[in-house]
Amino acid sequence: MKKALICLLVTAFFLAGCATPQQFERDDFCAAGTTLLDAHFDGGQLGDCTISETGDFELTLFPEDEPPINKSPWYAYRVSGQPGDQVTIRMKFHNGYARYWPKTSLDGNQWARVPADTVARTADDEMVVNLQLEQARIWVAGQEVLARDFYSQWIDRLEAQPGVDTRLVGKSVQGRPIILAETADRPEFILMMGRQHPPEVTGAIAMQSFIDTVLGDSDLAHRFRERFKLGIVPVMNPDGVAAGYWRHNVNGVDVNRDWGPFTQPESSSVIRWVQQQETEGRTLQLMLDFHSTFEDLFYTQPVSEDPPDFASIWLGASAQRLPDFPFKHAANPVSEQPNAKNYFYKSRGIPAVTYESGDETTREMLEYSATIFAEEMMKVMLATSP
């Protein structure tokens, strides 16, 4: 796909229409004296904002629909005022809890955790943040805001990689493009995708490092791509990411509960690409789905000892190289839940893994561990019989 078209598509990614069937009304801005809170940016989420008698901001954060399948209360907003101003923001999470520790940024790109002595949890579902403005405008969010700029730059990097092409495989409910990067055709292929759930940012951070490794210039990566074609979908739920949703797409559907039913355009777009590869004679050998949760873990199928299963070999080898990175291997029975892991395992009989990154795992460790996991995955896959 030509770079100019990619740029156009990525711009459209977050500029598509925004009419949604939301249950709750959300504020775009809120002012008290000389201080302003706003969510006028991609991924912004202010919820409902009121001003207390003492001049504090009081935010109530709502899910995009009721009840949420998973309580992942996202918030992201800018605070504008005079440098040195003291600002108190009380956040209450409707039908949720204070899952994400607040981060701040001076430019919307570089983020840091808010110091512990400036944050108080007054109840499970309430958090108070006391800020002193370092400059006229700062960002506050539950995690780094990885939205249009992040994905524009990533897709540009993928497009610039030798032997990598990008293509439009479909559109979201609101018309945002679902973009897939793919390597050269091979008899076997692997699918990797991320951001089915909008606030699961650490999964996106890990995925980027993982993808950088498999697309890298090492001998291992070259041998891996000589055998396997890769299909990479960086963001599966662009509408939810743009709108600052907790979990679902704008139809109120969890995209990771639509594998099998395929009622939503996001999942349908990707399965069409998979089926096209299969129609052309290629065999899917592995599916990796990047997410975030409270800790670092991998959801897989039940383990097998004779012969040893892919996940146990892969994660065991990775653990040997990551002695200071505790993670879990959750080998669960296959259920009827129509998530990507269950769907691809049951329909293709292949290893299908949900790669979960911890909400508060250091970003350095997220990136480093993803590199190790990617290297060990490639070794195990190359050792399998075609």
Foldseek 3Di string as FASTA:
>chain_A
DDLVVLLVQLVCLQVFDQDFPFPADFDQKDDFDQKIKGQPFFLAGQADWDADPVGAIETEFEFRYPPDPDAQGKHKIKMFGAQFDKHKYKYFYVNHFLPFQKWKAPPLADIDGDDPVQKDAPDRGMIMGIDGHRHRMMMMISDRQCASVNVSVLVVVQCPQPQKHKDFLFAFPRGRTFMKIKGDDAQEEEEEEEALFQPQVLLLLLVSLLVCQLSDDDPLSVVLVVHYMYIYGSHLASQCRRVNHGAHHSNPHRLQQCQPVVPTGSNVSVVVVVVVSVVVNHAYAEYEYTGADAAWEKEWAAFDVVPTDLVCQLVVVLCVVCVPHDYYYHHDHQDPRNGPQNNCCVVRVHIYMYGYHHSPDDSVCSSVSSSSSSSSSSVSVVPDDD
